[in-house]
C-alpha atoms as a PDB file:
ATOM      1  CA  UNK A   1     -48.480  -9.374  30.733  1.00  0.00           C
ATOM      2  CA  UNK A   2     -50.479 -11.799  28.619  1.00  0.00           C
ATOM      3  CA  UNK A   3     -48.610 -10.612  25.565  1.00  0.00           C
ATOM      4  CA  UNK A   4     -45.287 -11.259  27.285  1.00  0.00           C
ATOM      5  CA  UNK A   5     -46.414 -14.747  28.255  1.00  0.00           C
ATOM      6  CA  UNK A   6     -47.400 -15.455  24.702  1.00  0.00           C
ATOM      7  CA  UNK A   7     -43.863 -14.531  23.572  1.00  0.00           C
ATOM      8  CA  UNK A   8     -41.883 -16.303  26.282  1.00  0.00           C
ATOM      9  CA  UNK A   9     -44.216 -19.121  27.356  1.00  0.00           C
ATOM     10  CA  UNK A  10     -45.522 -19.853  30.835  1.00  0.00           C
ATOM     11  CA  UNK A  11     -44.132 -23.358  31.336  1.00  0.00           C
ATOM     12  CA  UNK A  12     -47.389 -25.167  30.464  1.00  0.00           C
ATOM     13  CA  UNK A  13     -46.749 -25.850  26.792  1.00  0.00           C
ATOM     14  CA  UNK A  14     -47.947 -29.262  25.583  1.00  0.00           C
ATOM     15  CA  UNK A  15     -44.579 -29.861  23.921  1.00  0.00           C
ATOM     16  CA  UNK A  16     -42.725 -29.774  27.239  1.00  0.00           C
ATOM     17  CA  UNK A  17     -42.279 -33.112  29.024  1.00  0.00           C
ATOM     18  CA  UNK A  18     -42.683 -33.404  32.766  1.00  0.00           C
ATOM     19  CA  UNK A  19     -38.949 -33.851  33.239  1.00  0.00           C
ATOM     20  CA  UNK A  20     -38.122 -30.688  31.327  1.00  0.00           C
ATOM     21  CA  UNK A  21     -37.747 -27.525  33.386  1.00  0.00           C
ATOM     22  CA  UNK A  22     -40.384 -24.957  32.679  1.00  0.00           C
ATOM     23  CA  UNK A  23     -39.369 -21.741  30.954  1.00  0.00           C
ATOM     24  CA  UNK A  24     -39.511 -18.954  33.538  1.00  0.00           C
ATOM     25  CA  UNK A  25     -42.003 -16.237  32.915  1.00  0.00           C
ATOM     26  CA  UNK A  26     -40.729 -12.701  32.518  1.00  0.00           C
ATOM     27  CA  UNK A  27     -41.566 -10.784  35.648  1.00  0.00           C
ATOM     28  CA  UNK A  28     -41.835  -7.023  35.616  1.00  0.00           C
ATOM     29  CA  UNK A  29     -40.463  -5.124  38.547  1.00  0.00           C
ATOM     30  CA  UNK A  30     -40.432  -1.429  39.138  1.00  0.00           C
ATOM     31  CA  UNK A  31     -37.221  -1.949  41.098  1.00  0.00           C
ATOM     32  CA  UNK A  32     -35.204  -3.060  38.053  1.00  0.00           C
ATOM     33  CA  UNK A  33     -32.336  -0.649  37.390  1.00  0.00           C
ATOM     34  CA  UNK A  34     -32.263   0.915  33.915  1.00  0.00           C
ATOM     35  CA  UNK A  35     -29.723  -0.425  31.427  1.00  0.00           C
ATOM     36  CA  UNK A  36     -26.411   1.477  31.384  1.00  0.00           C
ATOM     37  CA  UNK A  37     -25.675   3.683  28.379  1.00  0.00           C
ATOM     38  CA  UNK A  38     -23.613   2.146  25.537  1.00  0.00           C
ATOM     39  CA  UNK A  39     -19.817   2.505  25.783  1.00  0.00           C
ATOM     40  CA  UNK A  40     -18.505   5.758  24.420  1.00  0.00           C
ATOM     41  CA  UNK A  41     -16.129   3.734  22.209  1.00  0.00           C
ATOM     42  CA  UNK A  42     -19.104   2.450  20.228  1.00  0.00           C
ATOM     43  CA  UNK A  43     -20.231   5.972  19.482  1.00  0.00           C
ATOM     44  CA  UNK A  44     -16.730   7.299  18.758  1.00  0.00           C
ATOM     45  CA  UNK A  45     -14.375   4.587  17.420  1.00  0.00           C
ATOM     46  CA  UNK A  46     -10.841   5.246  18.727  1.00  0.00           C
ATOM     47  CA  UNK A  47      -9.175   4.966  15.336  1.00  0.00           C
ATOM     48  CA  UNK A  48     -11.318   5.335  12.274  1.00  0.00           C
ATOM     49  CA  UNK A  49      -8.336   4.577  10.034  1.00  0.00           C
ATOM     50  CA  UNK A  50      -8.053   1.084  11.494  1.00  0.00           C
ATOM     51  CA  UNK A  51     -11.580   0.389  10.254  1.00  0.00           C
ATOM     52  CA  UNK A  52     -10.599   1.438   6.727  1.00  0.00           C
ATOM     53  CA  UNK A  53      -7.403  -0.581   6.429  1.00  0.00           C
ATOM     54  CA  UNK A  54      -7.867  -3.871   4.664  1.00  0.00           C
ATOM     55  CA  UNK A  55     -11.319  -3.147   3.247  1.00  0.00           C
ATOM     56  CA  UNK A  56     -10.032  -2.997  -0.311  1.00  0.00           C
ATOM     57  CA  UNK A  57      -9.085  -6.180  -2.127  1.00  0.00           C
ATOM     58  CA  UNK A  58      -5.696  -6.742  -3.673  1.00  0.00           C
ATOM     59  CA  UNK A  59      -5.435  -9.035  -6.680  1.00  0.00           C
ATOM     60  CA  UNK A  60      -2.312 -11.086  -7.380  1.00  0.00           C
ATOM     61  CA  UNK A  61      -0.739 -10.552 -10.795  1.00  0.00           C
ATOM     62  CA  UNK A  62      -0.207 -14.329 -10.896  1.00  0.00           C
ATOM     63  CA  UNK A  63      -2.182 -17.222  -9.359  1.00  0.00           C
ATOM     64  CA  UNK A  64      -1.053 -18.747  -6.075  1.00  0.00           C
ATOM     65  CA  UNK A  65       0.591 -22.160  -6.432  1.00  0.00           C
ATOM     66  CA  UNK A  66       1.789 -24.222  -3.473  1.00  0.00           C
ATOM     67  CA  UNK A  67       5.583 -24.201  -3.349  1.00  0.00           C
ATOM     68  CA  UNK A  68       5.855 -20.874  -5.209  1.00  0.00           C
ATOM     69  CA  UNK A  69       7.095 -17.669  -3.570  1.00  0.00           C
ATOM     70  CA  UNK A  70       6.731 -14.102  -4.869  1.00  0.00           C
ATOM     71  CA  UNK A  71      10.113 -12.532  -5.728  1.00  0.00           C
ATOM     72  CA  UNK A  72      10.627  -8.754  -5.746  1.00  0.00           C
ATOM     73  CA  UNK A  73      13.976  -6.968  -6.103  1.00  0.00           C
ATOM     74  CA  UNK A  74      13.943  -3.259  -5.282  1.00  0.00           C
ATOM     75  CA  UNK A  75      15.639  -0.136  -3.952  1.00  0.00           C
ATOM     76  CA  UNK A  76      14.027   0.951  -0.653  1.00  0.00           C
ATOM     77  CA  UNK A  77      13.098   4.638  -0.593  1.00  0.00           C
ATOM     78  CA  UNK A  78      12.205   6.749   2.440  1.00  0.00           C
ATOM     79  CA  UNK A  79      10.902  10.299   2.010  1.00  0.00           C
ATOM     80  CA  UNK A  80      12.435  12.882   4.357  1.00  0.00           C
ATOM     81  CA  UNK A  81      10.218  14.983   6.630  1.00  0.00           C
ATOM     82  CA  UNK A  82      10.787  18.242   4.694  1.00  0.00           C
ATOM     83  CA  UNK A  83       9.927  16.454   1.421  1.00  0.00           C
ATOM     84  CA  UNK A  84       6.738  15.023   2.935  1.00  0.00           C
ATOM     85  CA  UNK A  85       5.573  18.526   3.795  1.00  0.00           C
ATOM     86  CA  UNK A  86       6.258  19.642   0.216  1.00  0.00           C
ATOM     87  CA  UNK A  87       4.471  16.648  -1.339  1.00  0.00           C
ATOM     88  CA  UNK A  88       1.390  16.806   0.883  1.00  0.00           C
ATOM     89  CA  UNK A  89      -0.277  19.929  -0.617  1.00  0.00           C
ATOM     90  CA  UNK A  90      -0.164  18.506  -4.150  1.00  0.00           C
ATOM     91  CA  UNK A  91      -1.576  15.151  -2.991  1.00  0.00           C
ATOM     92  CA  UNK A  92      -4.415  17.038  -1.305  1.00  0.00           C
ATOM     93  CA  UNK A  93      -5.313  18.801  -4.531  1.00  0.00           C
ATOM     94  CA  UNK A  94      -5.294  15.549  -6.515  1.00  0.00           C
ATOM     95  CA  UNK A  95      -7.323  13.572  -3.949  1.00  0.00           C
ATOM     96  CA  UNK A  96      -9.910  16.379  -3.744  1.00  0.00           C
ATOM     97  CA  UNK A  97     -10.525  16.087  -7.490  1.00  0.00           C
ATOM     98  CA  UNK A  98     -10.190  12.285  -7.648  1.00  0.00           C
ATOM     99  CA  UNK A  99     -11.692  10.646  -4.513  1.00  0.00           C
ATOM    100  CA  UNK A 100     -11.093   7.136  -5.917  1.00  0.00           C
ATOM    101  CA  UNK A 101      -7.414   7.186  -4.872  1.00  0.00           C
ATOM    102  CA  UNK A 102      -6.007   5.074  -2.026  1.00  0.00           C
ATOM    103  CA  UNK A 103      -2.690   5.327  -0.195  1.00  0.00           C
ATOM    104  CA  UNK A 104      -0.327   2.587  -1.364  1.00  0.00           C
ATOM    105  CA  UNK A 105      -0.089  -0.559   0.825  1.00  0.00           C
ATOM    106  CA  UNK A 106      -2.210   0.724   3.731  1.00  0.00           C
ATOM    107  CA  UNK A 107      -5.166   1.037   1.304  1.00  0.00           C
ATOM    108  CA  UNK A 108      -6.819   3.914   3.169  1.00  0.00           C
ATOM    109  CA  UNK A 109      -8.794   6.378   0.991  1.00  0.00           C
ATOM    110  CA  UNK A 110      -6.423   9.264   0.291  1.00  0.00           C
ATOM    111  CA  UNK A 111      -9.127  11.916   0.739  1.00  0.00           C
ATOM    112  CA  UNK A 112      -9.670  10.717   4.339  1.00  0.00           C
ATOM    113  CA  UNK A 113      -5.958  11.047   5.129  1.00  0.00           C
ATOM    114  CA  UNK A 114      -5.900  14.492   3.540  1.00  0.00           C
ATOM    115  CA  UNK A 115      -8.226  15.786   6.252  1.00  0.00           C
ATOM    116  CA  UNK A 116      -5.345  15.566   8.718  1.00  0.00           C
ATOM    117  CA  UNK A 117      -1.853  16.756   7.738  1.00  0.00           C
ATOM    118  CA  UNK A 118      -0.158  14.566  10.340  1.00  0.00           C
ATOM    119  CA  UNK A 119      -1.979  11.414   9.176  1.00  0.00           C
ATOM    120  CA  UNK A 120      -1.252  12.233   5.550  1.00  0.00           C
ATOM    121  CA  UNK A 121       2.465  12.531   6.215  1.00  0.00           C
ATOM    122  CA  UNK A 122       2.651   9.541   8.575  1.00  0.00           C
ATOM    123  CA  UNK A 123       0.397   7.064   6.771  1.00  0.00           C
ATOM    124  CA  UNK A 124       0.513   7.987   3.075  1.00  0.00           C
ATOM    125  CA  UNK A 125       4.097   9.297   2.912  1.00  0.00           C
ATOM    126  CA  UNK A 126       5.742   7.765   5.981  1.00  0.00           C
ATOM    127  CA  UNK A 127       6.080   4.201   4.740  1.00  0.00           C
ATOM    128  CA  UNK A 128       8.998   2.667   2.862  1.00  0.00           C
ATOM    129  CA  UNK A 129       8.560   2.958  -0.909  1.00  0.00           C
ATOM    130  CA  UNK A 130      10.224   0.803  -3.568  1.00  0.00           C
ATOM    131  CA  UNK A 131      11.872   1.354  -6.943  1.00  0.00           C
ATOM    132  CA  UNK A 132      11.446  -2.006  -8.665  1.00  0.00           C
ATOM    133  CA  UNK A 133      14.537  -3.458 -10.334  1.00  0.00           C
ATOM    134  CA  UNK A 134      12.685  -6.478 -11.709  1.00  0.00           C
ATOM    135  CA  UNK A 135       9.199  -7.841 -12.156  1.00  0.00           C
ATOM    136  CA  UNK A 136       7.426  -9.406  -9.196  1.00  0.00           C
ATOM    137  CA  UNK A 137       7.355 -13.047 -10.250  1.00  0.00           C
ATOM    138  CA  UNK A 138       6.819 -16.479  -8.671  1.00  0.00           C
ATOM    139  CA  UNK A 139       9.841 -18.703  -8.050  1.00  0.00           C
ATOM    140  CA  UNK A 140      10.146 -22.254  -6.717  1.00  0.00           C
ATOM    141  CA  UNK A 141      11.620 -22.965  -3.303  1.00  0.00           C
ATOM    142  CA  UNK A 142      14.720 -24.650  -4.799  1.00  0.00           C
ATOM    143  CA  UNK A 143      15.535 -21.426  -6.720  1.00  0.00           C
ATOM    144  CA  UNK A 144      15.662 -19.123  -3.685  1.00  0.00           C
ATOM    145  CA  UNK A 145      19.268 -19.706  -2.580  1.00  0.00           C
ATOM    146  CA  UNK A 146      20.544 -19.458  -6.144  1.00  0.00           C
ATOM    147  CA  UNK A 147      18.703 -16.214  -6.897  1.00  0.00           C
ATOM    148  CA  UNK A 148      19.786 -14.517  -3.655  1.00  0.00           C
ATOM    149  CA  UNK A 149      23.396 -15.657  -4.027  1.00  0.00           C
ATOM    150  CA  UNK A 150      23.645 -14.407  -7.620  1.00  0.00           C
ATOM    151  CA  UNK A 151      22.013 -11.079  -6.785  1.00  0.00           C
ATOM    152  CA  UNK A 152      24.509 -10.485  -3.995  1.00  0.00           C
ATOM    153  CA  UNK A 153      27.443 -11.451  -6.187  1.00  0.00           C
ATOM    154  CA  UNK A 154      26.332  -9.277  -9.094  1.00  0.00           C
ATOM    155  CA  UNK A 155      25.279  -6.209  -7.091  1.00  0.00           C
ATOM    156  CA  UNK A 156      27.666  -6.148  -4.130  1.00  0.00           C
ATOM    157  CA  UNK A 157      29.992  -3.471  -5.554  1.00  0.00           C
ATOM    158  CA  UNK A 158      27.501  -0.585  -5.605  1.00  0.00           C
ATOM    159  CA  UNK A 159      28.435   2.976  -4.755  1.00  0.00           C
ATOM    160  CA  UNK A 160      26.635   5.945  -3.234  1.00  0.00           C
ATOM    161  CA  UNK A 161      24.611   8.172  -5.576  1.00  0.00           C
ATOM    162  CA  UNK A 162      21.636  10.525  -5.403  1.00  0.00           C
ATOM    163  CA  UNK A 163      18.191   9.670  -6.775  1.00  0.00           C
ATOM    164  CA  UNK A 164      16.175  12.630  -8.060  1.00  0.00           C
ATOM    165  CA  UNK A 165      12.414  12.320  -8.539  1.00  0.00           C
ATOM    166  CA  UNK A 166      11.587  14.937 -11.157  1.00  0.00           C
ATOM    167  CA  UNK A 167       8.243  14.015 -12.704  1.00  0.00           C
ATOM    168  CA  UNK A 168       4.672  13.213 -11.658  1.00  0.00           C
ATOM    169  CA  UNK A 169       3.511  10.302 -13.795  1.00  0.00           C
ATOM    170  CA  UNK A 170       0.620   7.843 -14.149  1.00  0.00           C
ATOM    171  CA  UNK A 171       1.251   4.096 -14.553  1.00  0.00           C
ATOM    172  CA  UNK A 172      -1.116   1.156 -15.109  1.00  0.00           C
ATOM    173  CA  UNK A 173      -0.290  -2.468 -14.221  1.00  0.00           C
ATOM    174  CA  UNK A 174      -0.069  -5.143 -16.922  1.00  0.00           C
ATOM    175  CA  UNK A 175      -3.616  -6.490 -16.494  1.00  0.00           C
ATOM    176  CA  UNK A 176      -5.011  -2.943 -16.196  1.00  0.00           C
ATOM    177  CA  UNK A 177      -6.678  -3.568 -12.833  1.00  0.00           C
ATOM    178  CA  UNK A 178      -4.787  -0.778 -11.010  1.00  0.00           C
ATOM    179  CA  UNK A 179      -3.769   2.778 -11.863  1.00  0.00           C
ATOM    180  CA  UNK A 180      -0.921   4.413  -9.917  1.00  0.00           C
ATOM    181  CA  UNK A 181      -0.030   8.017  -9.128  1.00  0.00           C
ATOM    182  CA  UNK A 182       3.765   8.019  -9.118  1.00  0.00           C
ATOM    183  CA  UNK A 183       6.910  10.141  -9.128  1.00  0.00           C
ATOM    184  CA  UNK A 184       9.470   9.149 -11.742  1.00  0.00           C
ATOM    185  CA  UNK A 185      13.276   9.259 -11.924  1.00  0.00           C
ATOM    186  CA  UNK A 186      14.221  10.911 -15.219  1.00  0.00           C
ATOM    187  CA  UNK A 187      17.643  12.416 -14.492  1.00  0.00           C
ATOM    188  CA  UNK A 188      19.790  11.969 -11.373  1.00  0.00           C
ATOM    189  CA  UNK A 189      20.246   8.288 -10.606  1.00  0.00           C
ATOM    190  CA  UNK A 190      18.623   7.039 -13.820  1.00  0.00           C
ATOM    191  CA  UNK A 191      21.840   5.676 -15.360  1.00  0.00           C
ATOM    192  CA  UNK A 192      22.817   3.827 -12.165  1.00  0.00           C
ATOM    193  CA  UNK A 193      19.346   2.326 -11.679  1.00  0.00           C
ATOM    194  CA  UNK A 194      19.165   1.123 -15.306  1.00  0.00           C
ATOM    195  CA  UNK A 195      22.511  -0.667 -14.859  1.00  0.00           C
ATOM    196  CA  UNK A 196      21.141  -2.379 -11.738  1.00  0.00           C
ATOM    197  CA  UNK A 197      18.031  -3.429 -13.687  1.00  0.00           C
ATOM    198  CA  UNK A 198      20.283  -4.959 -16.371  1.00  0.00           C
ATOM    199  CA  UNK A 199      22.091  -6.980 -13.697  1.00  0.00           C
ATOM    200  CA  UNK A 200      18.802  -8.255 -12.247  1.00  0.00           C
ATOM    201  CA  UNK A 201      17.540  -9.101 -15.744  1.00  0.00           C
ATOM    202  CA  UNK A 202      20.604 -11.270 -16.357  1.00  0.00           C
ATOM    203  CA  UNK A 203      19.884 -13.273 -13.196  1.00  0.00           C
ATOM    204  CA  UNK A 204      16.186 -13.569 -14.028  1.00  0.00           C
ATOM    205  CA  UNK A 205      17.116 -14.884 -17.480  1.00  0.00           C
ATOM    206  CA  UNK A 206      19.373 -17.576 -16.002  1.00  0.00           C
ATOM    207  CA  UNK A 207      16.417 -18.779 -13.911  1.00  0.00           C
ATOM    208  CA  UNK A 208      13.932 -18.629 -16.815  1.00  0.00           C
ATOM    209  CA  UNK A 209      12.059 -15.735 -15.218  1.00  0.00           C
ATOM    210  CA  UNK A 210      10.413 -12.926 -17.231  1.00  0.00           C
ATOM    211  CA  UNK A 211      12.713  -9.933 -17.620  1.00  0.00           C
ATOM    212  CA  UNK A 212      11.867  -6.308 -16.834  1.00  0.00           C
ATOM    213  CA  UNK A 213      10.400  -3.864 -19.351  1.00  0.00           C
ATOM    214  CA  UNK A 214      12.630  -3.053 -22.337  1.00  0.00           C
ATOM    215  CA  UNK A 215      12.399   0.667 -21.628  1.00  0.00           C
ATOM    216  CA  UNK A 216      12.464   0.841 -17.800  1.00  0.00           C
ATOM    217  CA  UNK A 217      11.028   3.920 -16.094  1.00  0.00           C
ATOM    218  CA  UNK A 218      12.146   3.865 -12.433  1.00  0.00           C
ATOM    219  CA  UNK A 219       9.549   5.330 -10.081  1.00  0.00           C
ATOM    220  CA  UNK A 220       7.767   4.994  -6.756  1.00  0.00           C
ATOM    221  CA  UNK A 221       3.973   4.928  -6.459  1.00  0.00           C
ATOM    222  CA  UNK A 222       2.255   7.076  -3.825  1.00  0.00           C
ATOM    223  CA  UNK A 223      -1.413   6.260  -4.506  1.00  0.00           C
ATOM    224  CA  UNK A 224      -3.571   3.907  -6.565  1.00  0.00           C
ATOM    225  CA  UNK A 225      -7.090   3.513  -7.943  1.00  0.00           C
ATOM    226  CA  UNK A 226      -9.101   0.502  -9.078  1.00  0.00           C
ATOM    227  CA  UNK A 227      -9.171  -0.204 -12.802  1.00  0.00           C
ATOM    228  CA  UNK A 228      -7.652   1.813 -15.620  1.00  0.00           C
ATOM    229  CA  UNK A 229      -8.339   5.455 -14.736  1.00  0.00           C
ATOM    230  CA  UNK A 230      -5.110   6.688 -16.324  1.00  0.00           C
ATOM    231  CA  UNK A 231      -6.782   9.103 -18.769  1.00  0.00           C
ATOM    232  CA  UNK A 232      -8.866  10.957 -16.187  1.00  0.00           C
ATOM    233  CA  UNK A 233      -6.148  10.906 -13.503  1.00  0.00           C
ATOM    234  CA  UNK A 234      -3.503  12.208 -15.903  1.00  0.00           C
ATOM    235  CA  UNK A 235      -5.835  15.035 -16.903  1.00  0.00           C
ATOM    236  CA  UNK A 236      -6.257  16.023 -13.233  1.00  0.00           C
ATOM    237  CA  UNK A 237      -2.502  15.882 -12.571  1.00  0.00           C
ATOM    238  CA  UNK A 238      -1.648  17.895 -15.696  1.00  0.00           C
ATOM    239  CA  UNK A 239      -4.190  20.578 -14.827  1.00  0.00           C
ATOM    240  CA  UNK A 240      -2.885  20.906 -11.270  1.00  0.00           C
ATOM    241  CA  UNK A 241       0.707  21.072 -12.511  1.00  0.00           C
ATOM    242  CA  UNK A 242      -0.229  23.921 -14.869  1.00  0.00           C
ATOM    243  CA  UNK A 243      -1.666  25.815 -11.902  1.00  0.00           C
ATOM    244  CA  UNK A 244       1.644  25.314 -10.073  1.00  0.00           C
ATOM    245  CA  UNK A 245       3.535  26.723 -13.073  1.00  0.00           C
ATOM    246  CA  UNK A 246       1.271  29.784 -13.179  1.00  0.00           C
ATOM    247  CA  UNK A 247       1.679  30.238  -9.432  1.00  0.00           C
ATOM    248  CA  UNK A 248       5.438  29.610  -9.758  1.00  0.00           C
ATOM    249  CA  UNK A 249       5.256  26.952  -7.002  1.00  0.00           C
ATOM    250  CA  UNK A 250       6.507  24.060  -9.155  1.00  0.00           C
ATOM    251  CA  UNK A 251      10.001  22.817  -8.254  1.00  0.00           C
ATOM    252  CA  UNK A 252      12.327  21.372 -10.880  1.00  0.00           C
ATOM    253  CA  UNK A 253      12.929  18.353  -8.622  1.00  0.00           C
ATOM    254  CA  UNK A 254      10.011  16.998  -6.595  1.00  0.00           C
ATOM    255  CA  UNK A 255      12.353  15.450  -4.019  1.00  0.00           C
ATOM    256  CA  UNK A 256      15.692  13.700  -3.801  1.00  0.00           C
ATOM    257  CA  UNK A 257      17.225  10.958  -1.638  1.00  0.00           C
ATOM    258  CA  UNK A 258      20.368   8.885  -1.278  1.00  0.00           C
ATOM    259  CA  UNK A 259      20.730   5.413  -2.720  1.00  0.00           C
ATOM    260  CA  UNK A 260      21.309   3.245   0.359  1.00  0.00           C
ATOM    261  CA  UNK A 261      21.121  -0.294  -0.964  1.00  0.00           C
ATOM    262  CA  UNK A 262      19.103  -3.049  -2.614  1.00  0.00           C
ATOM    263  CA  UNK A 263      16.762  -5.578  -1.030  1.00  0.00           C
ATOM    264  CA  UNK A 264      15.021  -8.686  -2.238  1.00  0.00           C
ATOM    265  CA  UNK A 265      11.751  -9.958  -0.800  1.00  0.00           C
ATOM    266  CA  UNK A 266      10.814 -13.596  -1.305  1.00  0.00           C
ATOM    267  CA  UNK A 267       7.521 -14.579   0.260  1.00  0.00           C
ATOM    268  CA  UNK A 268       7.512 -12.935   3.695  1.00  0.00           C
ATOM    269  CA  UNK A 269      11.306 -12.870   4.073  1.00  0.00           C
ATOM    270  CA  UNK A 270      13.476  -9.874   3.135  1.00  0.00           C
ATOM    271  CA  UNK A 271      17.115 -10.346   2.084  1.00  0.00           C
ATOM    272  CA  UNK A 272      19.719  -7.566   2.061  1.00  0.00           C
ATOM    273  CA  UNK A 273      21.493  -7.693  -1.307  1.00  0.00           C
ATOM    274  CA  UNK A 274      23.778  -4.719  -0.733  1.00  0.00           C
ATOM    275  CA  UNK A 275      23.904  -1.897   1.786  1.00  0.00           C
ATOM    276  CA  UNK A 276      25.668   1.425   1.387  1.00  0.00           C
ATOM    277  CA  UNK A 277      27.151   3.056   4.466  1.00  0.00           C
ATOM    278  CA  UNK A 278      26.122   6.640   5.210  1.00  0.00           C
ATOM    279  CA  UNK A 279      29.822   7.482   5.390  1.00  0.00           C
ATOM    280  CA  UNK A 280      30.290   6.845   1.681  1.00  0.00           C
END
């Protein structure tokens, strides 16, 4: 009891004035009920993935300037359910050998998602992917209407075609801060996509924006890693692909999908540039 008084005070401290209320002493009672156990939720978080999302840091490829908005022109790509099931086993093999990989956009470690087939398909492969038709660049607010209007005018007469993703490939961003595990378009759809890139380049040039790469390689990225890990990641991918060849489980085309339109994202707003009807 004396030790408790020493910690909490007994109301007779010289520093307390007469008008100040005394600090109550801690009284022990055998009748006090024991504290309840901690909530089960604290012991078993309801969604571990929610705790992982957002823990990694994304770095802009250009500094933020007030009045500037990030411009990105792209073809939206959605992977069908059968294709997800075919992609998942290969992603598992790669993530097992390279635990530094994260799922694109949601930024959850890929090896965590690979522990659950449903989560892998829903989180890592269930989002909308993008084939870039131009660099992601900053534009001024007064350029937005002009860029969108010209894109729509130049790209409105698009037709239905199939996009075939034939090749696993590794890409590194310009400042070499990110490495990407991707699937590349090398045959079906390549000619059409390159023509669309040329059209976007022409509009970028009119607005004094940096054009796309001279030798474009259309692709979507499924996973990423910090820094330039292209050498080690490519080695892992090549070795796993050789095993697939030996086991005769390697398909000529990884997956295919229909071209359904082009979108343009400026800041947080998405503009439809062209949309292809499913009837076409």
